[in-house]
């Protein structure tokens, strides 16, 4: 009996791609008078180190997002270098409810 790899490979690739999910990510200034949001794809997380992605909610702002774990709550982020001065002081930065990304 021979294994038909041509039939098995597409099924494996499809199963792996279905593990991706989306998270609503926000940065909010202290006092909540300015905020930016976006939906971010988890991508395929290959190992425990996770994937690193970048988000620029404003031209002068760059945020590094480390996506790891089985859900959005495990993600972490940091402002790159001394960017995001127009969004200072930051009140909250991170995962938010999905409705925040629909506004």
N, C-alpha and C. Protein backbone atom coordinates (compact mmCIF):
# COMPACT_ATOMS: atom_id res chain seq x y z
N UNK A 1 0.84 -1.18 0.00
CA UNK A 1 0.00 0.00 0.00
C UNK A 1 0.88 1.24 0.00
N UNK A 2 0.63 2.15 -0.90
CA UNK A 2 1.41 3.38 -1.00
C UNK A 2 0.59 4.56 -0.48
N UNK A 3 1.26 5.45 0.23
CA UNK A 3 0.61 6.66 0.74
C UNK A 3 0.53 7.70 -0.37
N UNK A 4 -0.63 8.23 -0.58
CA UNK A 4 -0.83 9.23 -1.63
C UNK A 4 -0.57 10.61 -1.03
N UNK A 5 0.68 11.06 -1.09
CA UNK A 5 1.04 12.35 -0.50
C UNK A 5 0.41 13.52 -1.22
N UNK A 6 0.08 13.35 -2.48
CA UNK A 6 -0.53 14.46 -3.21
C UNK A 6 -1.92 14.80 -2.66
N UNK A 7 -2.58 13.85 -2.03
CA UNK A 7 -3.88 14.11 -1.41
C UNK A 7 -3.73 14.59 0.03
N UNK A 8 -2.70 14.14 0.69
CA UNK A 8 -2.50 14.46 2.11
C UNK A 8 -1.95 15.86 2.32
N UNK A 9 -1.04 16.30 1.48
CA UNK A 9 -0.39 17.60 1.66
C UNK A 9 -1.36 18.77 1.66
N UNK A 10 -2.30 18.89 0.73
CA UNK A 10 -3.23 20.03 0.78
C UNK A 10 -4.06 20.04 2.07
N UNK A 11 -4.42 18.87 2.58
CA UNK A 11 -5.20 18.81 3.82
C UNK A 11 -4.38 19.32 4.99
N UNK A 12 -3.10 18.99 5.05
CA UNK A 12 -2.23 19.46 6.13
C UNK A 12 -2.06 20.97 6.04
N UNK A 13 -1.82 21.49 4.86
CA UNK A 13 -1.64 22.93 4.70
C UNK A 13 -2.91 23.69 5.06
N UNK A 14 -4.06 23.15 4.69
CA UNK A 14 -5.33 23.81 5.03
C UNK A 14 -5.54 23.81 6.53
N UNK A 15 -5.24 22.72 7.19
CA UNK A 15 -5.43 22.63 8.64
C UNK A 15 -4.55 23.64 9.36
N UNK A 16 -3.32 23.81 8.92
CA UNK A 16 -2.43 24.76 9.57
C UNK A 16 -2.90 26.20 9.36
N UNK A 17 -3.36 26.53 8.18
CA UNK A 17 -3.77 27.90 7.92
C UNK A 17 -5.04 28.27 8.67
N UNK A 18 -5.83 27.28 9.06
CA UNK A 18 -7.07 27.58 9.77
C UNK A 18 -6.82 27.91 11.24
N UNK A 19 -5.59 27.80 11.72
CA UNK A 19 -5.27 28.12 13.10
C UNK A 19 -5.11 29.62 13.32
N UNK A 20 -5.09 30.40 12.26
CA UNK A 20 -4.91 31.84 12.38
C UNK A 20 -6.17 32.49 12.97
N UNK A 21 -5.97 33.59 13.66
CA UNK A 21 -7.08 34.34 14.24
C UNK A 21 -6.74 35.82 14.17
N UNK A 22 -7.71 36.67 14.41
CA UNK A 22 -7.52 38.12 14.37
C UNK A 22 -7.76 38.70 15.75
N UNK A 23 -7.03 39.76 16.07
CA UNK A 23 -7.19 40.46 17.34
C UNK A 23 -7.34 41.95 17.06
N UNK A 24 -8.19 42.60 17.84
CA UNK A 24 -8.30 44.06 17.78
C UNK A 24 -7.22 44.63 18.69
N UNK A 25 -6.41 45.52 18.15
CA UNK A 25 -5.30 46.10 18.90
C UNK A 25 -5.46 47.61 18.94
N UNK A 26 -5.26 48.21 20.10
CA UNK A 26 -5.46 49.65 20.24
C UNK A 26 -4.30 50.31 20.98
N UNK A 27 -4.18 51.61 20.75
CA UNK A 27 -3.35 52.47 21.58
C UNK A 27 -4.23 53.67 21.93
N UNK A 28 -4.32 53.96 23.22
CA UNK A 28 -5.21 55.01 23.71
C UNK A 28 -4.40 55.96 24.57
N UNK A 29 -4.57 57.26 24.35
CA UNK A 29 -3.88 58.23 25.19
C UNK A 29 -4.54 58.28 26.56
N UNK A 30 -3.79 58.73 27.54
CA UNK A 30 -4.32 58.88 28.89
C UNK A 30 -5.48 59.87 28.84
N UNK A 31 -6.61 59.50 29.37
CA UNK A 31 -7.81 60.33 29.28
C UNK A 31 -8.71 59.90 28.14
N UNK A 32 -8.25 58.99 27.30
CA UNK A 32 -9.02 58.39 26.20
C UNK A 32 -9.54 59.40 25.18
N UNK A 33 -8.88 60.55 25.05
CA UNK A 33 -9.35 61.52 24.06
C UNK A 33 -8.81 61.23 22.66
N UNK A 34 -7.77 60.42 22.52
CA UNK A 34 -7.24 60.02 21.22
C UNK A 34 -6.95 58.53 21.26
N UNK A 35 -7.44 57.82 20.25
CA UNK A 35 -7.12 56.41 20.17
C UNK A 35 -7.10 55.96 18.72
N UNK A 36 -6.30 54.93 18.45
CA UNK A 36 -6.18 54.32 17.13
C UNK A 36 -6.34 52.82 17.32
N UNK A 37 -6.95 52.17 16.34
CA UNK A 37 -7.15 50.73 16.44
C UNK A 37 -6.97 50.07 15.08
N UNK A 38 -6.72 48.77 15.11
CA UNK A 38 -6.58 47.98 13.90
C UNK A 38 -6.84 46.51 14.22
N UNK A 39 -7.20 45.75 13.20
CA UNK A 39 -7.30 44.30 13.34
C UNK A 39 -5.98 43.71 12.87
N UNK A 40 -5.42 42.82 13.65
CA UNK A 40 -4.13 42.22 13.33
C UNK A 40 -4.29 40.71 13.24
N UNK A 41 -3.77 40.14 12.16
CA UNK A 41 -3.80 38.70 11.93
C UNK A 41 -2.71 38.04 12.77
N UNK A 42 -3.04 36.93 13.41
CA UNK A 42 -2.05 36.22 14.22
C UNK A 42 -0.97 35.60 13.36
N UNK A 43 -1.29 35.30 12.12
CA UNK A 43 -0.34 34.57 11.30
C UNK A 43 -0.23 33.14 11.82
N UNK A 44 0.71 32.40 11.32
CA UNK A 44 0.93 31.05 11.82
C UNK A 44 2.07 31.12 12.81
N UNK A 45 1.81 30.86 14.08
CA UNK A 45 2.82 30.98 15.13
C UNK A 45 3.60 29.67 15.17
N UNK A 46 4.86 29.75 14.74
CA UNK A 46 5.66 28.55 14.53
C UNK A 46 6.27 27.97 15.80
N UNK A 47 6.57 28.80 16.79
CA UNK A 47 7.22 28.28 18.00
C UNK A 47 6.88 29.15 19.20
N UNK A 48 7.45 28.81 20.35
CA UNK A 48 7.13 29.52 21.59
C UNK A 48 7.62 30.97 21.60
N UNK A 49 8.55 31.33 20.72
CA UNK A 49 9.01 32.72 20.65
C UNK A 49 7.98 33.62 19.99
N UNK A 50 7.13 33.06 19.17
CA UNK A 50 6.07 33.83 18.52
C UNK A 50 6.55 34.57 17.29
N UNK A 51 5.64 35.34 16.73
CA UNK A 51 5.93 36.18 15.57
C UNK A 51 6.01 37.62 16.01
N UNK A 52 6.85 38.39 15.37
CA UNK A 52 6.92 39.82 15.65
C UNK A 52 6.34 40.56 14.45
N UNK A 53 5.45 41.49 14.73
CA UNK A 53 4.81 42.29 13.70
C UNK A 53 4.93 43.75 14.12
N UNK A 54 4.78 44.65 13.17
CA UNK A 54 4.87 46.08 13.47
C UNK A 54 3.59 46.77 13.02
N UNK A 55 3.16 47.74 13.80
CA UNK A 55 1.96 48.53 13.50
C UNK A 55 2.32 49.99 13.65
N UNK A 56 1.94 50.80 12.67
CA UNK A 56 2.17 52.25 12.72
C UNK A 56 0.82 52.95 12.71
N UNK A 57 0.24 53.21 13.89
CA UNK A 57 -1.06 53.86 13.94
C UNK A 57 -1.03 55.32 13.48
N UNK A 58 0.14 55.94 13.54
CA UNK A 58 0.35 57.30 13.03
C UNK A 58 1.73 57.32 12.37
N UNK A 59 1.99 58.28 11.48
CA UNK A 59 3.28 58.31 10.79
C UNK A 59 4.49 58.37 11.73
N UNK A 60 4.34 59.01 12.89
CA UNK A 60 5.47 59.15 13.82
C UNK A 60 5.48 58.05 14.89
N UNK A 61 4.74 56.97 14.67
CA UNK A 61 4.57 55.97 15.72
C UNK A 61 4.78 54.56 15.17
N UNK A 62 5.62 53.78 15.86
CA UNK A 62 5.86 52.39 15.46
C UNK A 62 5.79 51.51 16.70
N UNK A 63 4.93 50.51 16.64
CA UNK A 63 4.72 49.60 17.76
C UNK A 63 5.11 48.19 17.34
N UNK A 64 5.93 47.55 18.16
CA UNK A 64 6.32 46.16 17.93
C UNK A 64 5.38 45.26 18.72
N UNK A 65 4.76 44.31 18.04
CA UNK A 65 3.82 43.39 18.67
C UNK A 65 4.38 41.98 18.58
N UNK A 66 4.54 41.35 19.73
CA UNK A 66 4.98 39.96 19.78
C UNK A 66 3.75 39.09 19.95
N UNK A 67 3.47 38.30 18.91
CA UNK A 67 2.27 37.48 18.87
C UNK A 67 2.67 36.05 19.21
N UNK A 68 2.25 35.58 20.39
CA UNK A 68 2.53 34.20 20.75
C UNK A 68 1.41 33.66 21.62
N UNK A 69 1.36 32.36 21.75
CA UNK A 69 0.32 31.74 22.55
C UNK A 69 -0.88 31.36 21.71
N UNK A 70 -1.92 30.95 22.40
CA UNK A 70 -3.11 30.45 21.72
C UNK A 70 -4.21 31.48 21.59
N UNK A 71 -3.96 32.70 22.03
CA UNK A 71 -4.98 33.73 21.93
C UNK A 71 -4.40 35.12 22.07
N UNK A 72 -5.24 36.10 21.80
CA UNK A 72 -4.82 37.50 21.82
C UNK A 72 -4.29 37.94 23.18
N UNK A 73 -4.82 37.40 24.25
CA UNK A 73 -4.42 37.82 25.60
C UNK A 73 -2.94 37.55 25.88
N UNK A 74 -2.32 36.67 25.13
CA UNK A 74 -0.91 36.34 25.34
C UNK A 74 0.05 37.27 24.60
N UNK A 75 -0.48 38.16 23.77
CA UNK A 75 0.37 39.05 22.99
C UNK A 75 0.96 40.13 23.88
N UNK A 76 2.12 40.63 23.49
CA UNK A 76 2.74 41.76 24.20
C UNK A 76 3.21 42.78 23.17
N UNK A 77 3.47 43.99 23.63
CA UNK A 77 3.89 45.04 22.69
C UNK A 77 4.75 46.07 23.39
N UNK A 78 5.43 46.84 22.56
CA UNK A 78 6.24 47.94 23.06
C UNK A 78 6.35 49.00 21.98
N UNK A 79 6.51 50.24 22.41
CA UNK A 79 6.74 51.34 21.47
C UNK A 79 8.20 51.29 21.07
N UNK A 80 8.46 51.32 19.77
CA UNK A 80 9.83 51.23 19.26
C UNK A 80 10.53 52.57 19.45
N UNK A 81 11.70 52.50 20.06
CA UNK A 81 12.55 53.68 20.31
C UNK A 81 11.74 54.80 20.97
N UNK A 82 11.83 55.99 20.46
CA UNK A 82 11.13 57.13 21.07
C UNK A 82 10.02 57.64 20.16
N UNK A 83 9.36 56.72 19.46
CA UNK A 83 8.27 57.12 18.57
C UNK A 83 6.98 57.31 19.37
N UNK A 84 5.93 57.66 18.71
CA UNK A 84 4.58 57.82 19.27
C UNK A 84 4.44 59.02 20.21
N UNK A 85 5.25 60.04 20.00
CA UNK A 85 5.15 61.24 20.85
C UNK A 85 3.78 61.90 20.75
N UNK A 86 3.13 61.80 19.58
CA UNK A 86 1.82 62.42 19.42
C UNK A 86 0.72 61.66 20.16
N UNK A 87 1.01 60.47 20.63
CA UNK A 87 0.03 59.69 21.38
C UNK A 87 0.39 59.57 22.86
N UNK A 88 1.29 60.40 23.33
CA UNK A 88 1.71 60.38 24.73
C UNK A 88 0.82 61.29 25.56
N UNK A 89 0.58 61.04 26.81
CA UNK A 89 0.96 59.80 27.51
C UNK A 89 -0.01 58.67 27.16
N UNK A 90 0.51 57.47 27.05
CA UNK A 90 -0.29 56.31 26.68
C UNK A 90 -1.04 55.81 27.91
N UNK A 91 -2.35 55.70 27.77
CA UNK A 91 -3.17 55.17 28.85
C UNK A 91 -3.31 53.66 28.76
N UNK A 92 -3.46 53.15 27.53
CA UNK A 92 -3.58 51.70 27.30
C UNK A 92 -3.05 51.38 25.92
N UNK A 93 -2.34 50.26 25.83
CA UNK A 93 -1.86 49.76 24.54
C UNK A 93 -1.97 48.25 24.61
N UNK A 94 -2.72 47.67 23.68
CA UNK A 94 -2.85 46.22 23.66
C UNK A 94 -4.15 45.76 23.05
N UNK A 95 -4.48 44.53 23.35
CA UNK A 95 -5.67 43.90 22.81
C UNK A 95 -6.91 44.55 23.42
N UNK A 96 -7.93 44.72 22.60
CA UNK A 96 -9.18 45.34 23.04
C UNK A 96 -10.36 44.56 22.47
N UNK A 97 -11.56 44.82 22.96
CA UNK A 97 -12.73 44.15 22.39
C UNK A 97 -12.88 44.48 20.90
N UNK A 98 -13.42 43.54 20.15
CA UNK A 98 -13.53 43.66 18.70
C UNK A 98 -14.30 44.91 18.27
N UNK A 99 -15.28 45.35 19.03
CA UNK A 99 -16.08 46.51 18.64
C UNK A 99 -15.24 47.78 18.54
N UNK A 100 -14.12 47.85 19.27
CA UNK A 100 -13.25 49.03 19.18
C UNK A 100 -12.65 49.19 17.78
N UNK A 101 -12.50 48.10 17.07
CA UNK A 101 -11.94 48.15 15.72
C UNK A 101 -13.00 48.42 14.66
N UNK A 102 -14.26 48.47 15.04
CA UNK A 102 -15.34 48.74 14.08
C UNK A 102 -15.73 50.20 14.08
N UNK A 103 -15.22 51.01 14.97
CA UNK A 103 -15.61 52.42 15.05
C UNK A 103 -14.83 53.27 14.10
